[in-house]
Amino acid sequence: MILTEKSSLKRFAEYLREREKSPATLQKYLRDVRGFLDFAAGRRIGKSDVMEYKEYLAQRYAVTSANSMLAALNSYFIFCRRDELCVRQFRLQKSAYRDAGRELTREEYGRLVRAAEQGRGKRLSLVVQTICGTGIRVSELAFITVEAARRGEATVSCKGKTRRIFIVRALQKKLIGYAAEQGIARGPVFVTRGGKPVDRSNIWREMKSLCRRAGVAPEKVFPHNLRHLFARTFYGLEKDIAKLADILGHSSINTTRIYIITTGEEHRRRMENMHLII
């Protein structure tokens, strides 16, 4: 197989489907591999070319982003039976603290919800509350159906795993009321005008439009940050990281730990409250 032939991407896509990769992951892997193929520009690929591309990524992307692209590329090389082309990811020192400039606070979350409602964005307001109130991924919104709202729980299937998500009574009431207003009797609550479930690009774009009205920094406003707020709030109450991992659908608790990292300022306040300096 010639690596630089883009026709190989169709077979790679099928390979990913057989391994039950989610649609979002599949599209990301294909996008990342296309980036490499464009960079290679028809060359016969050797390890030096991949190392050159790795350096190219290092100069243009954050380490976490570059590593995710390399993971996709390594998967492609394995598929092509060119394992010798795989490269190591960049080493990343784990941060003990979360960047306060990107952490969405509960007060800012409230401002986003109110800004959506004042802007006649009832659907957006409810989407924001649903993600933050359940901890689901934005790609899992389709599992929030009228039937699930009535039961008070949704069954979510993602990445080969199925989990139950509870819907609190206040959210139940809002979802059922909204569905009734929109004439939605069954199926997903959040749909486009054409009746299809909303996708992440719709939600991302609509959330970004709220920033100025809500007075919240744009770098804090994206769907996944709502999931982080859910995780920090749950852990603050329960202190049960294993249960939180189950709720979020994480296979590894190490992933969940990333969600509950506190800011340096919060850690500083806790140290001040220790009163160990006499």
Protein backbone atom coordinates (compact mmCIF):
# COMPACT_ATOMS: atom_id res chain seq x y z
CA MET A 1 0.00 0.00 0.00
CA ILE A 2 1.35 3.45 -0.91
CA LEU A 3 0.98 5.61 2.18
CA THR A 4 0.54 8.86 0.33
CA GLU A 5 -2.42 7.63 -1.71
CA LYS A 6 -5.48 9.30 -0.20
CA SER A 7 -7.60 6.44 -1.51
CA SER A 8 -6.16 4.43 1.39
CA LEU A 9 -8.18 6.61 3.76
CA LYS A 10 -11.41 4.86 2.79
CA ARG A 11 -9.94 1.55 3.91
CA PHE A 12 -8.51 3.18 7.02
CA ALA A 13 -11.97 4.53 7.87
CA GLU A 14 -13.41 1.02 7.61
CA TYR A 15 -10.57 -0.25 9.82
CA LEU A 16 -11.53 2.30 12.48
CA ARG A 17 -15.22 1.41 12.25
CA GLU A 18 -14.41 -2.26 12.79
CA ARG A 19 -12.63 -1.23 15.98
CA GLU A 20 -15.79 0.59 17.05
CA LYS A 21 -14.27 4.06 17.09
CA SER A 22 -16.88 6.75 17.63
CA PRO A 23 -17.88 8.87 14.59
CA ALA A 24 -16.16 11.90 16.13
CA THR A 25 -12.92 9.97 16.71
CA LEU A 26 -13.05 8.52 13.21
CA GLN A 27 -13.39 11.96 11.64
CA LYS A 28 -10.57 13.34 13.77
CA TYR A 29 -8.21 10.50 12.81
CA LEU A 30 -8.99 10.98 9.13
CA ARG A 31 -8.48 14.73 9.41
CA ASP A 32 -5.14 14.27 11.15
CA VAL A 33 -3.90 11.73 8.60
CA ARG A 34 -4.95 13.99 5.72
CA GLY A 35 -2.81 16.69 7.32
CA PHE A 36 0.21 14.40 7.18
CA LEU A 37 -0.51 13.30 3.60
CA ASP A 38 -0.72 16.94 2.52
CA PHE A 39 2.60 17.57 4.25
CA ALA A 40 4.17 14.54 2.56
CA ALA A 41 2.94 15.75 -0.85
CA GLY A 42 3.33 12.43 -2.67
CA ARG A 43 6.79 11.60 -1.33
CA ARG A 44 7.86 8.03 -0.65
CA ILE A 45 7.67 8.07 3.13
CA GLY A 46 10.54 7.14 5.40
CA LYS A 47 11.10 7.56 9.14
CA SER A 48 12.97 10.83 8.57
CA ASP A 49 9.87 12.30 6.90
CA VAL A 50 7.71 11.38 9.89
CA MET A 51 10.26 12.89 12.28
CA GLU A 52 10.24 16.06 10.18
CA TYR A 53 6.46 16.16 10.44
CA LYS A 54 6.68 15.65 14.19
CA GLU A 55 8.93 18.69 14.43
CA TYR A 56 6.50 20.61 12.21
CA LEU A 57 3.68 19.84 14.67
CA ALA A 58 5.84 20.84 17.65
CA GLN A 59 6.35 24.30 16.18
CA ARG A 60 2.65 24.92 15.51
CA TYR A 61 0.58 23.16 18.16
CA ALA A 62 0.34 22.66 21.89
CA VAL A 63 1.89 19.40 23.10
CA THR A 64 -1.47 17.76 23.84
CA SER A 65 -2.80 18.62 20.37
CA ALA A 66 0.37 17.43 18.65
CA ASN A 67 0.28 14.16 20.59
CA SER A 68 -3.32 13.50 19.58
CA MET A 69 -2.31 13.98 15.93
CA LEU A 70 0.64 11.63 16.31
CA ALA A 71 -1.64 9.01 17.89
CA ALA A 72 -3.87 9.13 14.81
CA LEU A 73 -0.88 8.93 12.52
CA ASN A 74 0.61 5.94 14.38
CA SER A 75 -2.72 4.16 14.08
CA TYR A 76 -2.63 4.78 10.33
CA PHE A 77 0.90 3.38 10.02
CA ILE A 78 -0.11 0.25 11.95
CA PHE A 79 -3.09 -0.16 9.63
CA CYS A 80 -0.73 0.12 6.64
CA ARG A 81 1.62 -2.44 8.22
CA ARG A 82 4.37 0.12 8.43
CA ASP A 83 4.93 -0.05 12.16
CA GLU A 84 8.54 1.06 11.73
CA LEU A 85 7.24 4.55 10.89
CA CYS A 86 5.52 5.03 14.24
CA VAL A 87 7.00 7.77 16.38
CA ARG A 88 6.93 8.47 20.09
CA GLN A 89 4.65 11.16 21.41
CA PHE A 90 6.08 14.23 23.09
CA ARG A 91 6.72 13.87 26.79
CA LEU A 92 4.39 16.06 28.79
CA GLN A 93 4.94 17.03 32.39
CA LYS A 94 1.61 16.70 34.16
CA SER A 95 0.45 19.94 35.68
CA ALA A 96 -0.46 19.94 39.37
CA TYR A 97 -2.88 22.81 38.80
CA ARG A 98 -5.51 23.81 36.31
CA ASP A 99 -5.13 27.04 34.33
CA ALA A 100 -7.46 29.51 36.06
CA GLY A 101 -7.78 31.39 32.78
CA ARG A 102 -9.64 28.43 31.25
CA GLU A 103 -11.66 27.25 34.24
CA LEU A 104 -15.37 27.99 33.96
CA THR A 105 -16.74 28.99 37.36
CA ARG A 106 -20.23 28.26 38.61
CA GLU A 107 -21.01 31.99 38.57
CA GLU A 108 -19.89 32.28 34.93
CA TYR A 109 -21.98 29.23 34.07
CA GLY A 110 -25.02 30.99 35.51
CA ARG A 111 -24.30 34.05 33.39
CA LEU A 112 -24.12 31.91 30.26
CA VAL A 113 -27.49 30.32 31.01
CA ARG A 114 -29.13 33.69 31.66
CA ALA A 115 -27.57 35.24 28.55
CA ALA A 116 -28.95 32.40 26.42
CA GLU A 117 -32.44 32.84 27.88
CA GLN A 118 -32.41 36.63 27.44
CA GLY A 119 -31.29 36.18 23.84
CA ARG A 120 -34.31 33.97 23.16
CA GLY A 121 -32.04 30.95 23.02
CA LYS A 122 -34.15 28.62 25.09
CA ARG A 123 -32.77 25.55 23.36
CA LEU A 124 -29.19 26.68 23.92
CA SER A 125 -29.89 27.50 27.56
CA LEU A 126 -31.32 24.03 28.08
CA VAL A 127 -28.47 22.33 26.19
CA VAL A 128 -25.94 24.09 28.43
CA GLN A 129 -27.86 23.04 31.56
CA THR A 130 -28.25 19.46 30.31
CA ILE A 131 -24.54 18.97 29.67
CA CYS A 132 -23.56 20.62 32.94
CA GLY A 133 -26.32 18.92 34.93
CA THR A 134 -25.59 15.38 33.74
CA GLY A 135 -21.90 15.40 32.80
CA ILE A 136 -22.53 13.94 29.34
CA ARG A 137 -20.40 14.68 26.29
CA VAL A 138 -21.85 17.07 23.72
CA SER A 139 -21.85 14.15 21.26
CA GLU A 140 -24.15 12.27 23.66
CA LEU A 141 -26.97 14.82 23.58
CA ALA A 142 -28.88 12.60 21.14
CA PHE A 143 -29.45 10.14 24.00
CA ILE A 144 -31.42 12.79 25.89
CA THR A 145 -34.81 11.86 24.52
CA VAL A 146 -38.37 12.69 25.50
CA GLU A 147 -38.70 9.12 26.78
CA ALA A 148 -35.52 9.48 28.87
CA ALA A 149 -36.73 12.78 30.31
CA ARG A 150 -39.99 11.14 31.39
CA ARG A 151 -38.14 8.22 33.01
CA GLY A 152 -35.63 10.48 34.70
CA GLU A 153 -32.67 8.60 33.25
CA ALA A 154 -30.97 8.07 29.90
CA THR A 155 -29.01 5.12 28.58
CA VAL A 156 -25.89 6.40 26.85
CA SER A 157 -23.77 4.27 24.50
CA CYS A 158 -20.38 5.68 23.58
CA LYS A 159 -16.95 4.26 22.79
CA GLY A 160 -18.15 0.70 23.19
CA LYS A 161 -19.54 1.33 26.67
CA THR A 162 -23.10 1.78 27.92
CA ARG A 163 -23.95 3.70 31.07
CA ARG A 164 -27.02 5.09 32.84
CA ILE A 165 -27.32 8.84 33.29
CA PHE A 166 -29.74 10.21 35.85
CA ILE A 167 -31.73 13.33 35.03
CA VAL A 168 -32.60 15.37 38.12
CA ARG A 169 -36.21 16.41 38.60
CA ALA A 170 -35.64 20.09 37.84
CA LEU A 171 -34.03 19.18 34.51
CA GLN A 172 -36.74 16.60 33.79
CA LYS A 173 -39.39 19.30 34.11
CA LYS A 174 -37.50 21.68 31.82
CA LEU A 175 -36.87 19.02 29.16
CA ILE A 176 -40.46 17.76 29.11
CA GLY A 177 -41.82 21.32 28.98
CA TYR A 178 -39.47 22.29 26.15
CA ALA A 179 -40.33 19.18 24.14
CA ALA A 180 -44.04 19.92 24.52
CA GLU A 181 -43.56 23.52 23.35
CA GLN A 182 -41.64 22.32 20.28
CA GLY A 183 -44.13 19.58 19.46
CA ILE A 184 -41.57 16.83 20.03
CA ALA A 185 -43.43 13.73 21.21
CA ARG A 186 -40.61 11.20 21.05
CA GLY A 187 -36.93 10.84 20.24
CA PRO A 188 -34.13 13.36 20.85
CA VAL A 189 -35.16 16.56 22.59
CA PHE A 190 -32.52 18.70 20.88
CA VAL A 191 -32.97 18.71 17.12
CA THR A 192 -32.38 21.04 14.19
CA ARG A 193 -35.17 22.55 12.09
CA GLY A 194 -34.84 19.53 9.83
CA GLY A 195 -35.47 17.19 12.74
CA LYS A 196 -31.93 15.85 13.01
CA PRO A 197 -30.09 15.76 16.36
CA VAL A 198 -27.94 18.85 16.90
CA ASP A 199 -24.21 18.25 16.49
CA ARG A 200 -21.18 19.63 18.30
CA SER A 201 -20.49 22.27 15.65
CA ASN A 202 -23.99 23.75 16.15
CA ILE A 203 -23.54 23.90 19.91
CA TRP A 204 -19.95 25.18 19.77
CA ARG A 205 -20.89 28.04 17.47
CA GLU A 206 -23.96 29.00 19.50
CA MET A 207 -22.06 28.92 22.79
CA LYS A 208 -19.31 31.17 21.42
CA SER A 209 -21.97 33.73 20.49
CA LEU A 210 -22.88 34.03 24.19
CA CYS A 211 -19.46 35.17 25.41
CA ARG A 212 -19.88 38.92 25.01
CA ARG A 213 -23.45 39.04 26.33
CA ALA A 214 -22.52 36.90 29.33
CA GLY A 215 -19.25 38.68 30.00
CA VAL A 216 -17.29 35.40 30.00
CA ALA A 217 -13.90 34.97 28.32
CA PRO A 218 -14.24 33.05 25.02
CA GLU A 219 -11.46 30.61 25.95
CA LYS A 220 -13.67 29.35 28.80
CA VAL A 221 -16.77 28.80 26.71
CA PHE A 222 -16.95 25.41 25.01
CA PRO A 223 -19.13 22.34 25.67
CA HIS A 224 -16.46 20.18 27.28
CA ASN A 225 -15.82 22.82 29.95
CA LEU A 226 -19.38 22.25 31.17
CA ARG A 227 -18.48 18.59 31.69
CA HIS A 228 -15.45 19.67 33.70
CA LEU A 229 -17.64 21.89 35.88
CA PHE A 230 -19.98 18.94 36.52
CA ALA A 231 -16.99 16.78 37.48
CA ARG A 232 -15.50 19.32 39.90
CA THR A 233 -18.89 19.97 41.51
CA PHE A 234 -19.67 16.26 41.93
CA TYR A 235 -16.23 15.50 43.35
CA GLY A 236 -16.44 18.47 45.70
CA LEU A 237 -19.59 16.94 47.21
CA GLU A 238 -18.87 13.21 47.04
CA LYS A 239 -15.05 12.86 46.96
CA ASP A 240 -15.60 9.57 45.08
CA ILE A 241 -13.38 9.54 42.00
CA ALA A 242 -14.30 5.95 41.05
CA LYS A 243 -18.00 6.78 40.96
CA LEU A 244 -17.26 9.96 39.00
CA ALA A 245 -15.26 7.96 36.44
CA ASP A 246 -18.28 5.67 35.95
CA ILE A 247 -20.64 8.63 35.52
CA LEU A 248 -18.36 10.32 32.99
CA GLY A 249 -17.77 7.07 31.08
CA HIS A 250 -14.01 7.04 31.62
CA SER A 251 -12.09 3.78 31.31
CA SER A 252 -9.25 5.12 33.43
CA ILE A 253 -9.38 7.06 36.69
CA ASN A 254 -6.24 8.88 35.48
CA THR A 255 -8.43 10.58 32.89
CA THR A 256 -10.94 11.57 35.57
CA ARG A 257 -8.15 13.11 37.68
CA ILE A 258 -7.55 15.64 34.91
CA TYR A 259 -11.15 16.83 35.30
CA ILE A 260 -10.86 17.58 39.02
CA ILE A 261 -7.52 19.36 39.09
CA THR A 262 -7.92 22.61 40.99
CA THR A 263 -6.38 25.97 40.13
CA GLY A 264 -3.16 27.14 41.80
CA GLU A 265 -5.08 29.94 43.49
CA GLU A 266 -7.46 27.49 45.13
CA HIS A 267 -4.50 25.45 46.35
CA ARG A 268 -2.91 28.63 47.73
CA ARG A 269 -6.09 29.41 49.73
CA ARG A 270 -6.07 25.94 51.22
CA MET A 271 -2.44 26.33 52.26
CA GLU A 272 -3.23 29.70 53.85
CA ASN A 273 -6.01 28.03 55.86
CA MET A 274 -3.57 25.46 57.26
CA HIS A 275 -2.02 28.16 59.53
CA LEU A 276 1.24 26.29 59.94
CA ILE A 277 3.45 29.37 60.10
CA ILE A 278 3.82 30.42 63.73
